[in-house]
């Protein structure tokens, strides 16, 4: 059975240290790494409601969706940049 190490990252300097430690362990134990990044953001304004509300107007829903799509795109770029130094070719 293949070993797997789960590495939580928040893109901080502490995450960098954790990632480097996990890589050292993975190399020694021939394990794979799985990285998890949870996005925690506050709503940018009162116009975007972050609670479950089935009565939201279509306009507000569309604005919230646009915000979430842009947030995910931005965070994906940040995560890609964070992980870039750790990329290497698979054997």
C-alpha atoms as a PDB file:
ATOM      1  CA  UNK A   1       0.000   0.000   0.000  1.00  0.00           C
ATOM      2  CA  UNK A   2       1.339   3.423  -0.998  1.00  0.00           C
ATOM      3  CA  UNK A   3       1.938   5.864   1.837  1.00  0.00           C
ATOM      4  CA  UNK A   4       0.364   9.299   1.611  1.00  0.00           C
ATOM      5  CA  UNK A   5       1.072  12.435   3.647  1.00  0.00           C
ATOM      6  CA  UNK A   6      -1.625  15.104   3.887  1.00  0.00           C
ATOM      7  CA  UNK A   7      -0.121  18.595   4.034  1.00  0.00           C
ATOM      8  CA  UNK A   8      -2.441  21.453   5.057  1.00  0.00           C
ATOM      9  CA  UNK A   9      -1.331  24.842   3.734  1.00  0.00           C
ATOM     10  CA  UNK A  10      -2.523  28.390   4.278  1.00  0.00           C
ATOM     11  CA  UNK A  11       0.247  29.919   2.119  1.00  0.00           C
ATOM     12  CA  UNK A  12       2.078  31.316   5.155  1.00  0.00           C
ATOM     13  CA  UNK A  13       5.725  30.933   6.133  1.00  0.00           C
ATOM     14  CA  UNK A  14       4.577  28.226   8.544  1.00  0.00           C
ATOM     15  CA  UNK A  15       3.019  26.327   5.653  1.00  0.00           C
ATOM     16  CA  UNK A  16       6.292  26.586   3.781  1.00  0.00           C
ATOM     17  CA  UNK A  17       8.128  25.029   6.729  1.00  0.00           C
ATOM     18  CA  UNK A  18       5.473  22.308   6.996  1.00  0.00           C
ATOM     19  CA  UNK A  19       5.701  21.595   3.278  1.00  0.00           C
ATOM     20  CA  UNK A  20       9.478  21.277   3.433  1.00  0.00           C
ATOM     21  CA  UNK A  21       9.252  18.918   6.417  1.00  0.00           C
ATOM     22  CA  UNK A  22       6.601  16.813   4.690  1.00  0.00           C
ATOM     23  CA  UNK A  23       8.781  16.589   1.564  1.00  0.00           C
ATOM     24  CA  UNK A  24      11.759  15.356   3.603  1.00  0.00           C
ATOM     25  CA  UNK A  25       9.613  12.696   5.252  1.00  0.00           C
ATOM     26  CA  UNK A  26       8.064  11.697   1.918  1.00  0.00           C
ATOM     27  CA  UNK A  27      11.471  11.242   0.307  1.00  0.00           C
ATOM     28  CA  UNK A  28      12.693   9.073   3.183  1.00  0.00           C
ATOM     29  CA  UNK A  29       9.549   6.922   3.271  1.00  0.00           C
ATOM     30  CA  UNK A  30       8.694   6.879  -0.463  1.00  0.00           C
ATOM     31  CA  UNK A  31       5.337   8.513   0.283  1.00  0.00           C
ATOM     32  CA  UNK A  32       3.159  10.712  -1.884  1.00  0.00           C
ATOM     33  CA  UNK A  33       2.018  14.163  -0.786  1.00  0.00           C
ATOM     34  CA  UNK A  34      -1.519  15.469  -0.924  1.00  0.00           C
ATOM     35  CA  UNK A  35      -1.933  19.189  -0.328  1.00  0.00           C
ATOM     36  CA  UNK A  36      -5.132  20.696   1.057  1.00  0.00           C
ATOM     37  CA  UNK A  37      -5.838  24.420   1.113  1.00  0.00           C
ATOM     38  CA  UNK A  38      -8.978  25.748   2.733  1.00  0.00           C
ATOM     39  CA  UNK A  39     -10.079  29.209   1.655  1.00  0.00           C
ATOM     40  CA  UNK A  40     -11.430  31.380   4.430  1.00  0.00           C
ATOM     41  CA  UNK A  41     -12.566  34.781   3.248  1.00  0.00           C
ATOM     42  CA  UNK A  42     -15.017  37.309   4.554  1.00  0.00           C
ATOM     43  CA  UNK A  43     -17.673  38.665   2.247  1.00  0.00           C
ATOM     44  CA  UNK A  44     -16.473  41.888   0.585  1.00  0.00           C
ATOM     45  CA  UNK A  45     -19.635  43.816   1.343  1.00  0.00           C
ATOM     46  CA  UNK A  46     -23.145  43.545   2.699  1.00  0.00           C
ATOM     47  CA  UNK A  47     -24.365  43.058  -0.891  1.00  0.00           C
ATOM     48  CA  UNK A  48     -23.074  39.492  -0.892  1.00  0.00           C
ATOM     49  CA  UNK A  49     -24.751  37.336   1.732  1.00  0.00           C
ATOM     50  CA  UNK A  50     -22.663  34.364   2.852  1.00  0.00           C
ATOM     51  CA  UNK A  51     -25.480  32.626   4.717  1.00  0.00           C
ATOM     52  CA  UNK A  52     -27.864  30.125   3.160  1.00  0.00           C
ATOM     53  CA  UNK A  53     -30.844  32.213   2.180  1.00  0.00           C
ATOM     54  CA  UNK A  54     -33.259  30.784  -0.365  1.00  0.00           C
ATOM     55  CA  UNK A  55     -34.921  34.166  -0.830  1.00  0.00           C
ATOM     56  CA  UNK A  56     -31.848  35.884  -2.315  1.00  0.00           C
ATOM     57  CA  UNK A  57     -32.632  37.721  -5.485  1.00  0.00           C
ATOM     58  CA  UNK A  58     -31.149  36.413  -8.737  1.00  0.00           C
ATOM     59  CA  UNK A  59     -28.985  39.534  -9.015  1.00  0.00           C
ATOM     60  CA  UNK A  60     -27.412  38.996  -5.598  1.00  0.00           C
ATOM     61  CA  UNK A  61     -26.897  35.301  -6.365  1.00  0.00           C
ATOM     62  CA  UNK A  62     -25.142  36.206  -9.611  1.00  0.00           C
ATOM     63  CA  UNK A  63     -22.899  38.716  -7.828  1.00  0.00           C
ATOM     64  CA  UNK A  64     -22.033  36.168  -5.160  1.00  0.00           C
ATOM     65  CA  UNK A  65     -21.225  33.583  -7.828  1.00  0.00           C
ATOM     66  CA  UNK A  66     -18.970  36.046  -9.658  1.00  0.00           C
ATOM     67  CA  UNK A  67     -17.196  36.836  -6.399  1.00  0.00           C
ATOM     68  CA  UNK A  68     -16.686  33.156  -5.559  1.00  0.00           C
ATOM     69  CA  UNK A  69     -15.410  32.315  -9.046  1.00  0.00           C
ATOM     70  CA  UNK A  70     -12.923  35.174  -8.919  1.00  0.00           C
ATOM     71  CA  UNK A  71     -11.870  34.220  -5.376  1.00  0.00           C
ATOM     72  CA  UNK A  72     -11.239  30.608  -6.448  1.00  0.00           C
ATOM     73  CA  UNK A  73      -9.252  31.753  -9.502  1.00  0.00           C
ATOM     74  CA  UNK A  74      -7.110  34.054  -7.366  1.00  0.00           C
ATOM     75  CA  UNK A  75      -6.507  31.406  -4.694  1.00  0.00           C
ATOM     76  CA  UNK A  76      -5.636  28.806  -7.358  1.00  0.00           C
ATOM     77  CA  UNK A  77      -2.969  31.163  -8.721  1.00  0.00           C
ATOM     78  CA  UNK A  78      -1.604  31.773  -5.215  1.00  0.00           C
ATOM     79  CA  UNK A  79      -1.504  28.038  -4.487  1.00  0.00           C
ATOM     80  CA  UNK A  80       0.213  27.311  -7.812  1.00  0.00           C
ATOM     81  CA  UNK A  81       2.834  29.956  -7.016  1.00  0.00           C
ATOM     82  CA  UNK A  82       3.276  28.568  -3.494  1.00  0.00           C
ATOM     83  CA  UNK A  83       3.779  25.006  -4.785  1.00  0.00           C
ATOM     84  CA  UNK A  84       6.009  25.909  -7.754  1.00  0.00           C
ATOM     85  CA  UNK A  85       9.317  25.497  -5.876  1.00  0.00           C
ATOM     86  CA  UNK A  86       8.297  21.976  -4.858  1.00  0.00           C
ATOM     87  CA  UNK A  87       7.420  20.686  -8.333  1.00  0.00           C
ATOM     88  CA  UNK A  88       9.594  17.953  -9.763  1.00  0.00           C
ATOM     89  CA  UNK A  89       9.361  15.337 -12.480  1.00  0.00           C
ATOM     90  CA  UNK A  90       7.745  12.055 -11.598  1.00  0.00           C
ATOM     91  CA  UNK A  91       9.999   8.977 -12.076  1.00  0.00           C
END
